Amino acid sequence: MPMNQRILFIGLRVFLALVCLYLLLGLGFYVGWENARETCRAEMAARGEFVEPEVFAGPLGLLFTLTNWPVYAWANCYHDGTIFAT
């Protein structure tokens, strides 16, 4: 195998590993964020406050969170001081 192809395959493997890591971190963020939101919704409902309906629920919400979790995490930290702000 020529040296250029070998470097290309190694680079491709590293890229795919980074993509998998990015998506796994996004999935972890999604699970943590959903748990925090559910807790917040339950507390608001217990106090008799209005609980807004979910707009992007299910697969669409998962897709958005898997791809945009760094933006969500940064914005939550910047505005509220915590990653899982609701």
PDB file of N, CA and C in Angstrom:
ATOM      1  N   MET A   1       0.846  -1.166   0.000  1.00  0.00           N
ATOM      2  CA  MET A   1       0.000   0.000   0.000  1.00  0.00           C
ATOM      3  C   MET A   1       0.899   1.239   0.000  1.00  0.00           C
ATOM      4  N   PRO A   2       0.649   2.164  -0.920  1.00  0.00           N
ATOM      5  CA  PRO A   2       1.466   3.386  -0.965  1.00  0.00           C
ATOM      6  C   PRO A   2       1.315   4.206   0.321  1.00  0.00           C
ATOM      7  N   MET A   3       2.325   4.977   0.591  1.00  0.00           N
ATOM      8  CA  MET A   3       2.366   5.771   1.821  1.00  0.00           C
ATOM      9  C   MET A   3       1.212   6.775   1.893  1.00  0.00           C
ATOM     10  N   ASN A   4       0.844   7.380   0.761  1.00  0.00           N
ATOM     11  CA  ASN A   4      -0.239   8.363   0.759  1.00  0.00           C
ATOM     12  C   ASN A   4      -1.573   7.737   1.139  1.00  0.00           C
ATOM     13  N   GLN A   5      -1.862   6.556   0.635  1.00  0.00           N
ATOM     14  CA  GLN A   5      -3.106   5.876   0.986  1.00  0.00           C
ATOM     15  C   GLN A   5      -3.125   5.506   2.462  1.00  0.00           C
ATOM     16  N   ARG A   6      -1.987   5.092   2.962  1.00  0.00           N
ATOM     17  CA  ARG A   6      -1.902   4.711   4.371  1.00  0.00           C
ATOM     18  C   ARG A   6      -2.178   5.912   5.278  1.00  0.00           C
ATOM     19  N   ILE A   7      -1.602   7.031   4.942  1.00  0.00           N
ATOM     20  CA  ILE A   7      -1.845   8.260   5.722  1.00  0.00           C
ATOM     21  C   ILE A   7      -3.307   8.668   5.612  1.00  0.00           C
ATOM     22  N   LEU A   8      -3.886   8.530   4.438  1.00  0.00           N
ATOM     23  CA  LEU A   8      -5.298   8.860   4.239  1.00  0.00           C
ATOM     24  C   LEU A   8      -6.191   7.968   5.093  1.00  0.00           C
ATOM     25  N   PHE A   9      -5.926   6.680   5.125  1.00  0.00           N
ATOM     26  CA  PHE A   9      -6.729   5.763   5.941  1.00  0.00           C
ATOM     27  C   PHE A   9      -6.584   6.056   7.430  1.00  0.00           C
ATOM     28  N   ILE A  10      -5.383   6.378   7.874  1.00  0.00           N
ATOM     29  CA  ILE A  10      -5.181   6.726   9.284  1.00  0.00           C
ATOM     30  C   ILE A  10      -5.928   8.012   9.615  1.00  0.00           C
ATOM     31  N   GLY A  11      -5.840   8.990   8.733  1.00  0.00           N
ATOM     32  CA  GLY A  11      -6.566  10.246   8.933  1.00  0.00           C
ATOM     33  C   GLY A  11      -8.067  10.037   8.963  1.00  0.00           C
ATOM     34  N   LEU A  12      -8.562   9.171   8.089  1.00  0.00           N
ATOM     35  CA  LEU A  12      -9.987   8.871   8.058  1.00  0.00           C
ATOM     36  C   LEU A  12     -10.437   8.189   9.346  1.00  0.00           C
ATOM     37  N   ARG A  13      -9.634   7.274   9.848  1.00  0.00           N
ATOM     38  CA  ARG A  13      -9.968   6.596  11.108  1.00  0.00           C
ATOM     39  C   ARG A  13      -9.989   7.575  12.273  1.00  0.00           C
ATOM     40  N   VAL A  14      -9.025   8.471  12.318  1.00  0.00           N
ATOM     41  CA  VAL A  14      -8.998   9.475  13.382  1.00  0.00           C
ATOM     42  C   VAL A  14     -10.217  10.379  13.284  1.00  0.00           C
ATOM     43  N   PHE A  15     -10.557  10.798  12.070  1.00  0.00           N
ATOM     44  CA  PHE A  15     -11.731  11.643  11.867  1.00  0.00           C
ATOM     45  C   PHE A  15     -13.006  10.929  12.314  1.00  0.00           C
ATOM     46  N   LEU A  16     -13.172   9.673  11.926  1.00  0.00           N
ATOM     47  CA  LEU A  16     -14.356   8.917  12.325  1.00  0.00           C
ATOM     48  C   LEU A  16     -14.409   8.713  13.838  1.00  0.00           C
ATOM     49  N   ALA A  17     -13.264   8.513  14.462  1.00  0.00           N
ATOM     50  CA  ALA A  17     -13.233   8.378  15.920  1.00  0.00           C
ATOM     51  C   ALA A  17     -13.668   9.681  16.588  1.00  0.00           C
ATOM     52  N   LEU A  18     -13.219  10.808  16.059  1.00  0.00           N
ATOM     53  CA  LEU A  18     -13.618  12.100  16.616  1.00  0.00           C
ATOM     54  C   LEU A  18     -15.110  12.367  16.412  1.00  0.00           C
ATOM     55  N   VAL A  19     -15.640  11.981  15.262  1.00  0.00           N
ATOM     56  CA  VAL A  19     -17.075  12.140  15.007  1.00  0.00           C
ATOM     57  C   VAL A  19     -17.879  11.277  15.981  1.00  0.00           C
ATOM     58  N   CYS A  20     -17.449  10.052  16.197  1.00  0.00           N
ATOM     59  CA  CYS A  20     -18.136   9.179  17.150  1.00  0.00           C
ATOM     60  C   CYS A  20     -18.078   9.753  18.564  1.00  0.00           C
ATOM     61  N   LEU A  21     -16.936  10.291  18.957  1.00  0.00           N
ATOM     62  CA  LEU A  21     -16.801  10.911  20.277  1.00  0.00           C
ATOM     63  C   LEU A  21     -17.720  12.117  20.398  1.00  0.00           C
ATOM     64  N   TYR A  22     -17.779  12.941  19.365  1.00  0.00           N
ATOM     65  CA  TYR A  22     -18.656  14.115  19.346  1.00  0.00           C
ATOM     66  C   TYR A  22     -20.116  13.702  19.524  1.00  0.00           C
ATOM     67  N   LEU A  23     -20.538  12.669  18.802  1.00  0.00           N
ATOM     68  CA  LEU A  23     -21.922  12.217  18.896  1.00  0.00           C
ATOM     69  C   LEU A  23     -22.221  11.561  20.238  1.00  0.00           C
ATOM     70  N   LEU A  24     -21.268  10.834  20.793  1.00  0.00           N
ATOM     71  CA  LEU A  24     -21.475  10.237  22.119  1.00  0.00           C
ATOM     72  C   LEU A  24     -21.581  11.311  23.193  1.00  0.00           C
ATOM     73  N   LEU A  25     -20.751  12.340  23.112  1.00  0.00           N
ATOM     74  CA  LEU A  25     -20.875  13.452  24.057  1.00  0.00           C
ATOM     75  C   LEU A  25     -22.221  14.160  23.875  1.00  0.00           C
ATOM     76  N   GLY A  26     -22.653  14.306  22.640  1.00  0.00           N
ATOM     77  CA  GLY A  26     -23.963  14.900  22.371  1.00  0.00           C
ATOM     78  C   GLY A  26     -25.091  14.074  22.943  1.00  0.00           C
ATOM     79  N   LEU A  27     -24.982  12.762  22.842  1.00  0.00           N
ATOM     80  CA  LEU A  27     -26.010  11.887  23.415  1.00  0.00           C
ATOM     81  C   LEU A  27     -26.032  12.009  24.935  1.00  0.00           C
ATOM     82  N   GLY A  28     -24.864  12.076  25.552  1.00  0.00           N
ATOM     83  CA  GLY A  28     -24.800  12.278  26.995  1.00  0.00           C
ATOM     84  C   GLY A  28     -25.397  13.610  27.402  1.00  0.00           C
ATOM     85  N   PHE A  29     -25.107  14.652  26.627  1.00  0.00           N
ATOM     86  CA  PHE A  29     -25.695  15.964  26.899  1.00  0.00           C
ATOM     87  C   PHE A  29     -27.206  15.907  26.760  1.00  0.00           C
ATOM     88  N   TYR A  30     -27.695  15.208  25.745  1.00  0.00           N
ATOM     89  CA  TYR A  30     -29.138  15.099  25.529  1.00  0.00           C
ATOM     90  C   TYR A  30     -29.830  14.425  26.709  1.00  0.00           C
ATOM     91  N   VAL A  31     -29.261  13.335  27.180  1.00  0.00           N
ATOM     92  CA  VAL A  31     -29.856  12.606  28.308  1.00  0.00           C
ATOM     93  C   VAL A  31     -29.848  13.472  29.562  1.00  0.00           C
ATOM     94  N   GLY A  32     -28.726  14.127  29.848  1.00  0.00           N
ATOM     95  CA  GLY A  32     -28.647  14.989  31.023  1.00  0.00           C
ATOM     96  C   GLY A  32     -29.588  16.171  30.946  1.00  0.00           C
ATOM     97  N   TRP A  33     -29.679  16.768  29.769  1.00  0.00           N
ATOM     98  CA  TRP A  33     -30.542  17.921  29.590  1.00  0.00           C
ATOM     99  C   TRP A  33     -32.014  17.532  29.694  1.00  0.00           C
ATOM    100  N   GLU A  34     -32.388  16.410  29.115  1.00  0.00           N
ATOM    101  CA  GLU A  34     -33.773  15.956  29.210  1.00  0.00           C
ATOM    102  C   GLU A  34     -34.165  15.667  30.664  1.00  0.00           C
ATOM    103  N   ASN A  35     -33.260  15.069  31.432  1.00  0.00           N
ATOM    104  CA  ASN A  35     -33.544  14.810  32.844  1.00  0.00           C
ATOM    105  C   ASN A  35     -33.728  16.111  33.616  1.00  0.00           C
ATOM    106  N   ALA A  36     -32.869  17.086  33.348  1.00  0.00           N
ATOM    107  CA  ALA A  36     -32.980  18.374  34.025  1.00  0.00           C
ATOM    108  C   ALA A  36     -34.276  19.091  33.628  1.00  0.00           C
ATOM    109  N   ARG A  37     -34.625  19.022  32.364  1.00  0.00           N
ATOM    110  CA  ARG A  37     -35.863  19.673  31.920  1.00  0.00           C
ATOM    111  C   ARG A  37     -37.091  19.000  32.501  1.00  0.00           C
ATOM    112  N   GLU A  38     -37.071  17.688  32.582  1.00  0.00           N
ATOM    113  CA  GLU A  38     -38.214  16.969  33.144  1.00  0.00           C
ATOM    114  C   GLU A  38     -38.402  17.307  34.621  1.00  0.00           C
ATOM    115  N   THR A  39     -37.304  17.404  35.355  1.00  0.00           N
ATOM    116  CA  THR A  39     -37.370  17.785  36.758  1.00  0.00           C
ATOM    117  C   THR A  39     -37.929  19.199  36.900  1.00  0.00           C
ATOM    118  N   CYS A  40     -37.469  20.100  36.062  1.00  0.00           N
ATOM    119  CA  CYS A  40     -37.952  21.475  36.095  1.00  0.00           C
ATOM    120  C   CYS A  40     -39.438  21.545  35.752  1.00  0.00           C
ATOM    121  N   ARG A  41     -39.851  20.808  34.753  1.00  0.00           N
ATOM    122  CA  ARG A  41     -41.268  20.795  34.371  1.00  0.00           C
ATOM    123  C   ARG A  41     -42.144  20.259  35.503  1.00  0.00           C
ATOM    124  N   ALA A  42     -41.685  19.207  36.174  1.00  0.00           N
ATOM    125  CA  ALA A  42     -42.451  18.628  37.275  1.00  0.00           C
ATOM    126  C   ALA A  42     -42.581  19.622  38.425  1.00  0.00           C
ATOM    127  N   GLU A  43     -41.510  20.340  38.727  1.00  0.00           N
ATOM    128  CA  GLU A  43     -41.563  21.340  39.790  1.00  0.00           C
ATOM    129  C   GLU A  43     -42.498  22.480  39.431  1.00  0.00           C
ATOM    130  N   MET A  44     -42.448  22.941  38.192  1.00  0.00           N
ATOM    131  CA  MET A  44     -43.335  24.016  37.765  1.00  0.00           C
ATOM    132  C   MET A  44     -44.796  23.581  37.803  1.00  0.00           C
ATOM    133  N   ALA A  45     -45.066  22.363  37.370  1.00  0.00           N
ATOM    134  CA  ALA A  45     -46.443  21.860  37.393  1.00  0.00           C
ATOM    135  C   ALA A  45     -46.934  21.698  38.827  1.00  0.00           C
ATOM    136  N   ALA A  46     -46.058  21.275  39.735  1.00  0.00           N
ATOM    137  CA  ALA A  46     -46.444  21.111  41.134  1.00  0.00           C
ATOM    138  C   ALA A  46     -46.792  22.449  41.779  1.00  0.00           C
ATOM    139  N   ARG A  47     -46.141  23.516  41.336  1.00  0.00           N
ATOM    140  CA  ARG A  47     -46.438  24.854  41.860  1.00  0.00           C
ATOM    141  C   ARG A  47     -47.643  25.474  41.171  1.00  0.00           C
ATOM    142  N   GLY A  48     -48.163  24.808  40.156  1.00  0.00           N
ATOM    143  CA  GLY A  48     -49.321  25.316  39.432  1.00  0.00           C
ATOM    144  C   GLY A  48     -48.963  26.317  38.346  1.00  0.00           C
ATOM    145  N   GLU A  49     -47.710  26.391  37.978  1.00  0.00           N
ATOM    146  CA  GLU A  49     -47.279  27.311  36.931  1.00  0.00           C
ATOM    147  C   GLU A  49     -47.524  26.704  35.556  1.00  0.00           C
ATOM    148  N   PHE A  50     -47.520  27.575  34.557  1.00  0.00           N
ATOM    149  CA  PHE A  50     -47.679  27.119  33.176  1.00  0.00           C
ATOM    150  C   PHE A  50     -46.428  26.374  32.744  1.00  0.00           C
ATOM    151  N   VAL A  51     -46.631  25.207  32.156  1.00  0.00           N
ATOM    152  CA  VAL A  51     -45.531  24.412  31.614  1.00  0.00           C
ATOM    153  C   VAL A  51     -45.692  24.403  30.104  1.00  0.00           C
ATOM    154  N   GLU A  52     -44.740  25.026  29.425  1.00  0.00           N
ATOM    155  CA  GLU A  52     -44.857  25.121  27.972  1.00  0.00           C
ATOM    156  C   GLU A  52     -44.671  23.752  27.325  1.00  0.00           C
ATOM    157  N   PRO A  53     -45.402  23.500  26.253  1.00  0.00           N
ATOM    158  CA  PRO A  53     -45.282  22.198  25.576  1.00  0.00           C
ATOM    159  C   PRO A  53     -43.946  22.073  24.847  1.00  0.00           C
ATOM    160  N   GLU A  54     -43.526  20.848  24.656  1.00  0.00           N
ATOM    161  CA  GLU A  54     -42.287  20.609  23.917  1.00  0.00           C
ATOM    162  C   GLU A  54     -42.540  20.849  22.429  1.00  0.00           C
ATOM    163  N   VAL A  55     -41.657  21.605  21.830  1.00  0.00           N
ATOM    164  CA  VAL A  55     -41.786  21.906  20.410  1.00  0.00           C
ATOM    165  C   VAL A  55     -41.025  20.878  19.577  1.00  0.00           C
ATOM    166  N   PHE A  56     -39.779  20.641  19.951  1.00  0.00           N
ATOM    167  CA  PHE A  56     -38.944  19.692  19.221  1.00  0.00           C
ATOM    168  C   PHE A  56     -38.751  18.448  20.071  1.00  0.00           C
ATOM    169  N   ALA A  57     -39.761  17.615  20.113  1.00  0.00           N
ATOM    170  CA  ALA A  57     -39.690  16.392  20.915  1.00  0.00           C
ATOM    171  C   ALA A  57     -39.328  15.210  20.022  1.00  0.00           C
ATOM    172  N   GLY A  58     -38.832  14.171  20.645  1.00  0.00           N
ATOM    173  CA  GLY A  58     -38.550  12.934  19.932  1.00  0.00           C
ATOM    174  C   GLY A  58     -37.310  13.001  19.068  1.00  0.00           C
ATOM    175  N   PRO A  59     -37.370  12.367  17.916  1.00  0.00           N
ATOM    176  CA  PRO A  59     -36.181  12.266  17.052  1.00  0.00           C
ATOM    177  C   PRO A  59     -35.643  13.610  16.580  1.00  0.00           C
ATOM    178  N   LEU A  60     -36.520  14.572  16.333  1.00  0.00           N
ATOM    179  CA  LEU A  60     -36.063  15.875  15.868  1.00  0.00           C
ATOM    180  C   LEU A  60     -35.275  16.601  16.964  1.00  0.00           C
ATOM    181  N   GLY A  61     -35.768  16.535  18.190  1.00  0.00           N
ATOM    182  CA  GLY A  61     -35.044  17.129  19.314  1.00  0.00           C
ATOM    183  C   GLY A  61     -33.706  16.456  19.549  1.00  0.00           C
ATOM    184  N   LEU A  62     -33.680  15.142  19.419  1.00  0.00           N
ATOM    185  CA  LEU A  62     -32.429  14.399  19.565  1.00  0.00           C
ATOM    186  C   LEU A  62     -31.439  14.815  18.486  1.00  0.00           C
ATOM    187  N   LEU A  63     -31.896  14.943  17.261  1.00  0.00           N
ATOM    188  CA  LEU A  63     -31.020  15.352  16.164  1.00  0.00           C
ATOM    189  C   LEU A  63     -30.438  16.739  16.407  1.00  0.00           C
ATOM    190  N   PHE A  64     -31.283  17.683  16.821  1.00  0.00           N
ATOM    191  CA  PHE A  64     -30.802  19.037  17.101  1.00  0.00           C
ATOM    192  C   PHE A  64     -29.777  19.034  18.222  1.00  0.00           C
ATOM    193  N   THR A  65     -30.044  18.278  19.281  1.00  0.00           N
ATOM    194  CA  THR A  65     -29.140  18.267  20.424  1.00  0.00           C
ATOM    195  C   THR A  65     -27.839  17.552  20.091  1.00  0.00           C
ATOM    196  N   LEU A  66     -27.898  16.461  19.338  1.00  0.00           N
ATOM    197  CA  LEU A  66     -26.669  15.755  18.973  1.00  0.00           C
ATOM    198  C   LEU A  66     -25.739  16.629  18.138  1.00  0.00           C
ATOM    199  N   THR A  67     -26.306  17.474  17.298  1.00  0.00           N
ATOM    200  CA  THR A  67     -25.460  18.272  16.420  1.00  0.00           C
ATOM    201  C   THR A  67     -25.097  19.632  17.003  1.00  0.00           C
ATOM    202  N   ASN A  68     -25.908  20.190  17.891  1.00  0.00           N
ATOM    203  CA  ASN A  68     -25.668  21.547  18.394  1.00  0.00           C
ATOM    204  C   ASN A  68     -25.336  21.610  19.878  1.00  0.00           C
ATOM    205  N   TRP A  69     -24.985  20.494  20.503  1.00  0.00           N
ATOM    206  CA  TRP A  69     -24.764  20.503  21.946  1.00  0.00           C
ATOM    207  C   TRP A  69     -23.659  21.446  22.398  1.00  0.00           C
ATOM    208  N   PRO A  70     -22.588  21.678  21.642  1.00  0.00           N
ATOM    209  CA  PRO A  70     -21.595  22.642  22.144  1.00  0.00           C
ATOM    210  C   PRO A  70     -22.161  24.060  22.257  1.00  0.00           C
ATOM    211  N   VAL A  71     -23.024  24.435  21.323  1.00  0.00           N
ATOM    212  CA  VAL A  71     -23.639  25.758  21.357  1.00  0.00           C
ATOM    213  C   VAL A  71     -24.568  25.861  22.559  1.00  0.00           C
ATOM    214  N   TYR A  72     -25.381  24.829  22.795  1.00  0.00           N
ATOM    215  CA  TYR A  72     -26.288  24.828  23.939  1.00  0.00           C
ATOM    216  C   TYR A  72     -25.510  24.888  25.251  1.00  0.00           C
ATOM    217  N   ALA A  73     -24.457  24.100  25.367  1.00  0.00           N
ATOM    218  CA  ALA A  73     -23.658  24.062  26.594  1.00  0.00           C
ATOM    219  C   ALA A  73     -22.997  25.415  26.838  1.00  0.00           C
ATOM    220  N   TRP A  74     -22.420  26.012  25.795  1.00  0.00           N
ATOM    221  CA  TRP A  74     -21.778  27.314  25.951  1.00  0.00           C
ATOM    222  C   TRP A  74     -22.792  28.376  26.365  1.00  0.00           C
ATOM    223  N   ALA A  75     -23.939  28.415  25.703  1.00  0.00           N
ATOM    224  CA  ALA A  75     -24.958  29.423  26.015  1.00  0.00           C
ATOM    225  C   ALA A  75     -25.474  29.253  27.440  1.00  0.00           C
ATOM    226  N   ASN A  76     -25.701  28.014  27.866  1.00  0.00           N
ATOM    227  CA  ASN A  76     -26.174  27.783  29.231  1.00  0.00           C
ATOM    228  C   ASN A  76     -25.130  28.214  30.248  1.00  0.00           C
ATOM    229  N   CYS A  77     -23.864  27.887  30.010  1.00  0.00           N
ATOM    230  CA  CYS A  77     -22.799  28.301  30.934  1.00  0.00           C
ATOM    231  C   CYS A  77     -22.659  29.813  30.956  1.00  0.00           C
ATOM    232  N   TYR A  78     -22.746  30.436  29.811  1.00  0.00           N
ATOM    233  CA  TYR A  78     -22.584  31.882  29.727  1.00  0.00           C
ATOM    234  C   TYR A  78     -23.709  32.614  30.451  1.00  0.00           C
ATOM    235  N   HIS A  79     -24.948  32.172  30.260  1.00  0.00           N
ATOM    236  CA  HIS A  79     -26.089  32.886  30.820  1.00  0.00           C
ATOM    237  C   HIS A  79     -26.449  32.454  32.234  1.00  0.00           C
ATOM    238  N   ASP A  80     -26.308  31.151  32.539  1.00  0.00           N
ATOM    239  CA  ASP A  80     -26.796  30.642  33.821  1.00  0.00           C
ATOM    240  C   ASP A  80     -25.714  30.045  34.708  1.00  0.00           C
ATOM    241  N   GLY A  81     -24.518  29.857  34.184  1.00  0.00           N
ATOM    242  CA  GLY A  81     -23.441  29.307  34.991  1.00  0.00           C
ATOM    243  C   GLY A  81     -23.462  27.800  35.145  1.00  0.00           C
ATOM    244  N   THR A  82     -24.331  27.128  34.421  1.00  0.00           N
ATOM    245  CA  THR A  82     -24.412  25.668  34.466  1.00  0.00           C
ATOM    246  C   THR A  82     -24.706  25.137  33.074  1.00  0.00           C
ATOM    247  N   ILE A  83     -24.264  23.937  32.809  1.00  0.00           N
ATOM    248  CA  ILE A  83     -24.462  23.367  31.477  1.00  0.00           C
ATOM    249  C   ILE A  83     -25.916  23.007  31.232  1.00  0.00           C
ATOM    250  N   PHE A  84     -26.576  22.450  32.235  1.00  0.00           N
ATOM    251  CA  PHE A  84     -27.953  21.973  32.065  1.00  0.00           C
ATOM    252  C   PHE A  84     -28.962  22.976  32.610  1.00  0.00           C
ATOM    253  N   ALA A  85     -28.960  24.186  32.092  1.00  0.00           N
ATOM    254  CA  ALA A  85     -29.928  25.186  32.506  1.00  0.00           C
ATOM    255  C   ALA A  85     -31.261  24.933  31.800  1.00  0.00           C
ATOM    256  N   THR A  86     -32.343  25.146  32.526  1.00  0.00           N
ATOM    257  CA  THR A  86     -33.672  24.968  31.926  1.00  0.00           C
ATOM    258  C   THR A  86     -34.477  26.230  32.049  1.00  0.00           C
TER     259      THR A  86
END
